[in-house]
Amino acid sequence: MHKQKTRLCLKAGFLFLIKALFSVGDDLKQEFLKFNT
């Protein structure tokens, strides 16, 4: 039971990290496009 809970927490944290990375990537892309034009 405890192991399953830990796994869920890890999965949630992993998804959160991916979402954060994607949002940062989008911000960087916007800045890059602004800088290029």
C-alpha atoms as a PDB file:
ATOM      1  CA  MET A   1       0.000   0.000   0.000  1.00  0.00           C
ATOM      2  CA  HIS A   2       2.724   2.452   0.979  1.00  0.00           C
ATOM      3  CA  LYS A   3       4.810   1.619  -2.091  1.00  0.00           C
ATOM      4  CA  GLN A   4       1.870   2.328  -4.369  1.00  0.00           C
ATOM      5  CA  LYS A   5       1.356   5.732  -2.759  1.00  0.00           C
ATOM      6  CA  THR A   6       5.030   6.602  -3.235  1.00  0.00           C
ATOM      7  CA  ARG A   7       4.849   5.588  -6.869  1.00  0.00           C
ATOM      8  CA  LEU A   8       1.828   7.830  -7.410  1.00  0.00           C
ATOM      9  CA  CYS A   9       3.659  10.744  -5.792  1.00  0.00           C
ATOM     10  CA  LEU A  10       6.669  10.157  -8.030  1.00  0.00           C
ATOM     11  CA  LYS A  11       4.477  10.010 -11.119  1.00  0.00           C
ATOM     12  CA  ALA A  12       2.699  13.226 -10.130  1.00  0.00           C
ATOM     13  CA  GLY A  13       6.013  14.956  -9.484  1.00  0.00           C
ATOM     14  CA  PHE A  14       7.360  13.737 -12.820  1.00  0.00           C
ATOM     15  CA  LEU A  15       4.321  15.070 -14.688  1.00  0.00           C
ATOM     16  CA  PHE A  16       4.644  18.372 -12.839  1.00  0.00           C
ATOM     17  CA  LEU A  17       8.310  18.638 -13.874  1.00  0.00           C
ATOM     18  CA  ILE A  18       7.457  17.926 -17.493  1.00  0.00           C
ATOM     19  CA  LYS A  19       4.708  20.559 -17.486  1.00  0.00           C
ATOM     20  CA  ALA A  20       7.066  23.081 -15.896  1.00  0.00           C
ATOM     21  CA  LEU A  21       9.755  22.328 -18.483  1.00  0.00           C
ATOM     22  CA  PHE A  22       7.276  22.746 -21.318  1.00  0.00           C
ATOM     23  CA  SER A  23       6.003  26.085 -20.012  1.00  0.00           C
ATOM     24  CA  VAL A  24       9.576  27.328 -19.584  1.00  0.00           C
ATOM     25  CA  GLY A  25      10.356  26.103 -23.106  1.00  0.00           C
ATOM     26  CA  ASP A  26       7.372  28.029 -24.466  1.00  0.00           C
ATOM     27  CA  ASP A  27       8.512  31.191 -22.687  1.00  0.00           C
ATOM     28  CA  LEU A  28      12.011  30.780 -24.105  1.00  0.00           C
ATOM     29  CA  LYS A  29      10.582  30.216 -27.573  1.00  0.00           C
ATOM     30  CA  GLN A  30       8.569  33.435 -27.332  1.00  0.00           C
ATOM     31  CA  GLU A  31      11.639  35.375 -26.201  1.00  0.00           C
ATOM     32  CA  PHE A  32      13.717  33.817 -28.977  1.00  0.00           C
ATOM     33  CA  LEU A  33      11.147  34.726 -31.639  1.00  0.00           C
ATOM     34  CA  LYS A  34      10.926  38.259 -30.271  1.00  0.00           C
ATOM     35  CA  PHE A  35      14.726  38.509 -30.367  1.00  0.00           C
ATOM     36  CA  ASN A  36      14.961  37.135 -33.900  1.00  0.00           C
ATOM     37  CA  THR A  37      12.480  39.463 -35.595  1.00  0.00           C
END
